[in-house]
Amino acid sequence: MKESAVPAARDKIAASFPSSSLILRGSLLRRRIRHRSGCSTCATGKGHLVWVLTVSYPGGRTKQSSLRPEQKPMVQQWLRNYRKLKAALERICELNHHILRPQKKKS
């Protein structure tokens, strides 16, 4: 790619960014939880299937948040937006690296 085309390519990628307020980092997991006492379903050993958002932090810490069923589609979209934004940022960084590479001189 010619160096003169890089700014336009960066602008095109940046224009495709999802809203930065609608992103979420983490993983969506389906888990089975069991109440300790007082639940007839859990007493039979079946438990309850729930959706959980898991987020990892530096130092090996993780945080898990149980989600209500109606939150699942929104969380899925926010996770997709995060992945799209991250991929777009990587593409922009590659274009910027292209600008910084030494240019071959014409003979």
N, C-alpha and C. Protein backbone atom coordinates (compact mmCIF):
# COMPACT_ATOMS: atom_id res chain seq x y z
N MET A 1 0.85 -1.18 0.00
CA MET A 1 0.00 0.00 0.00
C MET A 1 0.89 1.24 0.00
N LYS A 2 0.52 2.20 -0.81
CA LYS A 2 1.28 3.44 -0.86
C LYS A 2 1.05 4.23 0.42
N GLU A 3 2.09 4.90 0.85
CA GLU A 3 2.01 5.69 2.09
C GLU A 3 0.91 6.75 2.02
N SER A 4 0.67 7.29 0.83
CA SER A 4 -0.34 8.34 0.68
C SER A 4 -1.76 7.78 0.87
N ALA A 5 -1.95 6.47 0.70
CA ALA A 5 -3.27 5.87 0.84
C ALA A 5 -3.58 5.46 2.28
N VAL A 6 -2.57 5.45 3.14
CA VAL A 6 -2.75 4.98 4.52
C VAL A 6 -3.73 5.84 5.32
N PRO A 7 -3.62 7.17 5.30
CA PRO A 7 -4.58 7.95 6.10
C PRO A 7 -6.04 7.70 5.73
N ALA A 8 -6.32 7.57 4.45
CA ALA A 8 -7.70 7.30 4.03
C ALA A 8 -8.16 5.92 4.51
N ALA A 9 -7.26 4.95 4.47
CA ALA A 9 -7.60 3.60 4.94
C ALA A 9 -7.86 3.62 6.45
N ARG A 10 -7.04 4.37 7.19
CA ARG A 10 -7.25 4.49 8.65
C ARG A 10 -8.59 5.14 8.94
N ASP A 11 -8.92 6.21 8.22
CA ASP A 11 -10.20 6.90 8.45
C ASP A 11 -11.38 6.00 8.16
N LYS A 12 -11.26 5.19 7.12
CA LYS A 12 -12.34 4.27 6.78
C LYS A 12 -12.56 3.25 7.89
N ILE A 13 -11.47 2.72 8.44
CA ILE A 13 -11.57 1.76 9.54
C ILE A 13 -12.17 2.43 10.77
N ALA A 14 -11.68 3.63 11.10
CA ALA A 14 -12.16 4.34 12.28
C ALA A 14 -13.65 4.67 12.17
N ALA A 15 -14.13 4.94 10.97
CA ALA A 15 -15.55 5.24 10.77
C ALA A 15 -16.43 4.03 11.03
N SER A 16 -15.85 2.84 10.95
CA SER A 16 -16.64 1.62 11.15
C SER A 16 -16.70 1.19 12.62
N PHE A 17 -16.04 1.94 13.51
CA PHE A 17 -16.04 1.57 14.93
C PHE A 17 -17.46 1.55 15.48
N PRO A 18 -17.77 0.54 16.31
CA PRO A 18 -19.05 0.58 17.02
C PRO A 18 -18.97 1.65 18.10
N SER A 19 -20.11 2.03 18.64
CA SER A 19 -20.13 3.03 19.71
C SER A 19 -19.26 2.57 20.86
N SER A 20 -18.37 3.42 21.30
CA SER A 20 -17.44 3.03 22.37
C SER A 20 -18.13 2.88 23.72
N SER A 21 -19.37 3.32 23.84
CA SER A 21 -20.08 3.13 25.10
C SER A 21 -20.82 1.80 25.13
N LEU A 22 -20.84 1.09 24.01
CA LEU A 22 -21.57 -0.18 23.93
C LEU A 22 -20.61 -1.34 23.72
N ILE A 23 -19.56 -1.39 24.54
CA ILE A 23 -18.59 -2.48 24.45
C ILE A 23 -18.45 -3.13 25.82
N LEU A 24 -18.00 -4.37 25.79
CA LEU A 24 -17.82 -5.13 27.02
C LEU A 24 -16.75 -6.17 26.78
N ARG A 25 -15.79 -6.26 27.70
CA ARG A 25 -14.72 -7.25 27.60
C ARG A 25 -15.08 -8.41 28.51
N GLY A 26 -14.84 -9.62 28.04
CA GLY A 26 -15.09 -10.79 28.86
C GLY A 26 -15.57 -11.96 28.00
N SER A 27 -16.08 -12.97 28.69
CA SER A 27 -16.60 -14.16 28.03
C SER A 27 -17.96 -14.50 28.62
N LEU A 28 -18.83 -14.97 27.77
CA LEU A 28 -20.17 -15.37 28.21
C LEU A 28 -20.18 -16.89 28.35
N LEU A 29 -20.49 -17.35 29.54
CA LEU A 29 -20.50 -18.78 29.83
C LEU A 29 -21.86 -19.22 30.32
N ARG A 30 -22.18 -20.47 30.08
CA ARG A 30 -23.41 -21.05 30.62
C ARG A 30 -22.99 -21.98 31.75
N ARG A 31 -23.49 -21.73 32.95
CA ARG A 31 -23.11 -22.52 34.13
C ARG A 31 -24.34 -23.08 34.80
N ARG A 32 -24.11 -24.11 35.57
CA ARG A 32 -25.18 -24.71 36.36
C ARG A 32 -24.89 -24.36 37.83
N ILE A 33 -25.86 -23.70 38.45
CA ILE A 33 -25.69 -23.35 39.86
C ILE A 33 -26.66 -24.19 40.69
N ARG A 34 -26.27 -24.38 41.92
CA ARG A 34 -27.11 -25.14 42.86
C ARG A 34 -27.21 -24.35 44.15
N HIS A 35 -28.43 -24.17 44.61
CA HIS A 35 -28.65 -23.50 45.90
C HIS A 35 -28.31 -24.48 47.02
N ARG A 36 -27.84 -23.95 48.13
CA ARG A 36 -27.44 -24.82 49.24
C ARG A 36 -28.63 -25.46 49.94
N SER A 37 -29.70 -24.70 50.09
CA SER A 37 -30.86 -25.28 50.78
C SER A 37 -32.13 -24.55 50.36
N GLY A 38 -33.27 -25.25 50.52
CA GLY A 38 -34.56 -24.62 50.28
C GLY A 38 -35.03 -24.63 48.85
N CYS A 39 -34.34 -25.30 47.94
CA CYS A 39 -34.75 -25.31 46.54
C CYS A 39 -35.00 -26.76 46.13
N SER A 40 -36.23 -27.05 45.73
CA SER A 40 -36.58 -28.43 45.37
C SER A 40 -35.85 -28.89 44.11
N THR A 41 -35.63 -27.97 43.16
CA THR A 41 -34.91 -28.33 41.93
C THR A 41 -33.47 -28.70 42.25
N CYS A 42 -32.84 -27.93 43.10
CA CYS A 42 -31.44 -28.20 43.46
C CYS A 42 -31.34 -29.45 44.33
N ALA A 43 -32.36 -29.73 45.12
CA ALA A 43 -32.36 -30.91 45.98
C ALA A 43 -32.33 -32.19 45.14
N THR A 44 -32.90 -32.14 43.93
CA THR A 44 -32.88 -33.31 43.04
C THR A 44 -31.55 -33.45 42.32
N GLY A 45 -30.70 -32.43 42.41
CA GLY A 45 -29.39 -32.48 41.77
C GLY A 45 -29.34 -31.83 40.41
N LYS A 46 -30.47 -31.34 39.91
CA LYS A 46 -30.50 -30.75 38.57
C LYS A 46 -29.85 -29.37 38.54
N GLY A 47 -30.13 -28.54 39.52
CA GLY A 47 -29.60 -27.18 39.53
C GLY A 47 -30.28 -26.30 38.50
N HIS A 48 -29.74 -25.12 38.31
CA HIS A 48 -30.31 -24.13 37.41
C HIS A 48 -29.24 -23.68 36.42
N LEU A 49 -29.60 -23.64 35.14
CA LEU A 49 -28.67 -23.13 34.13
C LEU A 49 -28.77 -21.60 34.10
N VAL A 50 -27.63 -20.93 34.19
CA VAL A 50 -27.59 -19.47 34.16
C VAL A 50 -26.47 -19.02 33.23
N TRP A 51 -26.61 -17.80 32.71
CA TRP A 51 -25.56 -17.18 31.90
C TRP A 51 -24.69 -16.34 32.83
N VAL A 52 -23.37 -16.44 32.63
CA VAL A 52 -22.41 -15.75 33.48
C VAL A 52 -21.42 -15.00 32.61
N LEU A 53 -21.16 -13.75 32.95
CA LEU A 53 -20.12 -12.97 32.30
C LEU A 53 -18.86 -13.12 33.14
N THR A 54 -17.78 -13.59 32.52
CA THR A 54 -16.51 -13.79 33.22
C THR A 54 -15.49 -12.82 32.63
N VAL A 55 -14.82 -12.06 33.51
CA VAL A 55 -13.82 -11.10 33.08
C VAL A 55 -12.53 -11.39 33.85
N SER A 56 -11.42 -11.50 33.11
CA SER A 56 -10.11 -11.75 33.73
C SER A 56 -9.38 -10.44 33.94
N TYR A 57 -8.65 -10.36 35.04
CA TYR A 57 -7.88 -9.17 35.38
C TYR A 57 -6.43 -9.55 35.62
N PRO A 58 -5.53 -8.57 35.58
CA PRO A 58 -4.11 -8.87 35.84
C PRO A 58 -3.94 -9.55 37.19
N GLY A 59 -2.94 -10.42 37.25
CA GLY A 59 -2.68 -11.14 38.48
C GLY A 59 -3.49 -12.42 38.60
N GLY A 60 -4.17 -12.81 37.53
CA GLY A 60 -4.93 -14.04 37.53
C GLY A 60 -6.29 -13.96 38.18
N ARG A 61 -6.72 -12.75 38.55
CA ARG A 61 -8.05 -12.61 39.17
C ARG A 61 -9.13 -12.65 38.10
N THR A 62 -10.26 -13.23 38.44
CA THR A 62 -11.42 -13.20 37.55
C THR A 62 -12.64 -12.75 38.33
N LYS A 63 -13.55 -12.14 37.62
CA LYS A 63 -14.81 -11.71 38.22
C LYS A 63 -15.93 -12.32 37.39
N GLN A 64 -16.89 -12.91 38.07
CA GLN A 64 -18.03 -13.50 37.39
C GLN A 64 -19.30 -12.82 37.85
N SER A 65 -20.15 -12.50 36.88
CA SER A 65 -21.44 -11.86 37.18
C SER A 65 -22.54 -12.67 36.54
N SER A 66 -23.52 -13.09 37.33
CA SER A 66 -24.68 -13.79 36.78
C SER A 66 -25.55 -12.79 36.04
N LEU A 67 -26.12 -13.25 34.93
CA LEU A 67 -26.96 -12.38 34.10
C LEU A 67 -28.40 -12.88 34.12
N ARG A 68 -29.30 -11.94 34.01
CA ARG A 68 -30.70 -12.29 33.82
C ARG A 68 -30.88 -12.71 32.36
N PRO A 69 -31.83 -13.60 32.08
CA PRO A 69 -31.99 -14.07 30.69
C PRO A 69 -32.20 -12.94 29.68
N GLU A 70 -32.90 -11.88 30.07
CA GLU A 70 -33.15 -10.79 29.12
C GLU A 70 -31.89 -9.95 28.86
N GLN A 71 -30.84 -10.10 29.66
CA GLN A 71 -29.59 -9.36 29.45
C GLN A 71 -28.69 -10.05 28.44
N LYS A 72 -28.90 -11.33 28.19
CA LYS A 72 -27.99 -12.10 27.33
C LYS A 72 -27.82 -11.49 25.94
N PRO A 73 -28.89 -11.15 25.20
CA PRO A 73 -28.67 -10.59 23.84
C PRO A 73 -27.85 -9.29 23.87
N MET A 74 -28.12 -8.43 24.85
CA MET A 74 -27.39 -7.17 24.95
C MET A 74 -25.90 -7.44 25.23
N VAL A 75 -25.62 -8.35 26.15
CA VAL A 75 -24.23 -8.68 26.48
C VAL A 75 -23.53 -9.30 25.27
N GLN A 76 -24.23 -10.18 24.55
CA GLN A 76 -23.63 -10.75 23.35
C GLN A 76 -23.26 -9.68 22.34
N GLN A 77 -24.13 -8.69 22.14
CA GLN A 77 -23.84 -7.61 21.19
C GLN A 77 -22.66 -6.78 21.67
N TRP A 78 -22.62 -6.46 22.95
CA TRP A 78 -21.51 -5.67 23.49
C TRP A 78 -20.19 -6.41 23.37
N LEU A 79 -20.19 -7.72 23.57
CA LEU A 79 -18.97 -8.52 23.40
C LEU A 79 -18.53 -8.52 21.94
N ARG A 80 -19.50 -8.63 21.00
CA ARG A 80 -19.17 -8.55 19.56
C ARG A 80 -18.58 -7.19 19.23
N ASN A 81 -19.17 -6.12 19.78
CA ASN A 81 -18.66 -4.78 19.53
C ASN A 81 -17.22 -4.64 20.02
N TYR A 82 -16.93 -5.21 21.17
CA TYR A 82 -15.56 -5.15 21.71
C TYR A 82 -14.59 -5.85 20.77
N ARG A 83 -14.96 -7.04 20.29
CA ARG A 83 -14.07 -7.77 19.39
C ARG A 83 -13.86 -7.02 18.08
N LYS A 84 -14.94 -6.40 17.55
CA LYS A 84 -14.82 -5.61 16.32
C LYS A 84 -13.91 -4.41 16.52
N LEU A 85 -14.08 -3.73 17.64
CA LEU A 85 -13.26 -2.56 17.94
C LEU A 85 -11.80 -2.95 18.10
N LYS A 86 -11.56 -4.04 18.79
CA LYS A 86 -10.18 -4.50 19.00
C LYS A 86 -9.52 -4.87 17.67
N ALA A 87 -10.27 -5.57 16.80
CA ALA A 87 -9.73 -5.95 15.50
C ALA A 87 -9.45 -4.71 14.64
N ALA A 88 -10.34 -3.73 14.70
CA ALA A 88 -10.14 -2.50 13.93
C ALA A 88 -8.92 -1.74 14.43
N LEU A 89 -8.74 -1.69 15.73
CA LEU A 89 -7.55 -1.02 16.28
C LEU A 89 -6.28 -1.71 15.83
N GLU A 90 -6.29 -3.02 15.77
CA GLU A 90 -5.12 -3.76 15.29
C GLU A 90 -4.82 -3.42 13.83
N ARG A 91 -5.87 -3.31 13.01
CA ARG A 91 -5.66 -2.94 11.60
C ARG A 91 -5.07 -1.54 11.47
N ILE A 92 -5.57 -0.61 12.28
CA ILE A 92 -5.03 0.76 12.25
C ILE A 92 -3.57 0.77 12.69
N CYS A 93 -3.24 -0.01 13.71
CA CYS A 93 -1.84 -0.08 14.15
C CYS A 93 -0.94 -0.61 13.04
N GLU A 94 -1.41 -1.62 12.32
CA GLU A 94 -0.62 -2.15 11.20
C GLU A 94 -0.40 -1.09 10.13
N LEU A 95 -1.43 -0.29 9.84
CA LEU A 95 -1.27 0.79 8.87
C LEU A 95 -0.27 1.83 9.37
N ASN A 96 -0.32 2.14 10.65
CA ASN A 96 0.64 3.10 11.21
C ASN A 96 2.06 2.55 11.17
N HIS A 97 2.22 1.23 11.38
CA HIS A 97 3.55 0.63 11.25
C HIS A 97 4.06 0.77 9.83
N HIS A 98 3.14 0.66 8.88
CA HIS A 98 3.51 0.79 7.47
C HIS A 98 4.10 2.19 7.20
N ILE A 99 3.53 3.20 7.83
CA ILE A 99 4.03 4.57 7.65
C ILE A 99 5.44 4.70 8.23
N LEU A 100 5.70 4.01 9.33
CA LEU A 100 6.99 4.15 10.01
C LEU A 100 8.12 3.35 9.36
N ARG A 101 7.78 2.39 8.51
CA ARG A 101 8.82 1.58 7.86
C ARG A 101 9.65 2.46 6.94
N PRO A 102 10.93 2.16 6.86
CA PRO A 102 11.75 2.94 5.93
C PRO A 102 11.28 2.73 4.50
N GLN A 103 11.23 3.83 3.76
CA GLN A 103 10.76 3.79 2.38
C GLN A 103 11.94 3.47 1.47
N LYS A 104 11.65 2.66 0.45
CA LYS A 104 12.70 2.34 -0.53
C LYS A 104 12.88 3.56 -1.43
N LYS A 105 14.12 3.91 -1.64
CA LYS A 105 14.42 5.06 -2.50
C LYS A 105 14.40 4.62 -3.96
N LYS A 106 13.82 5.48 -4.78
CA LYS A 106 13.77 5.19 -6.22
C LYS A 106 15.13 5.48 -6.83
N SER A 107 15.56 4.58 -7.70
CA SER A 107 16.88 4.74 -8.33
C SER A 107 16.80 5.66 -9.51
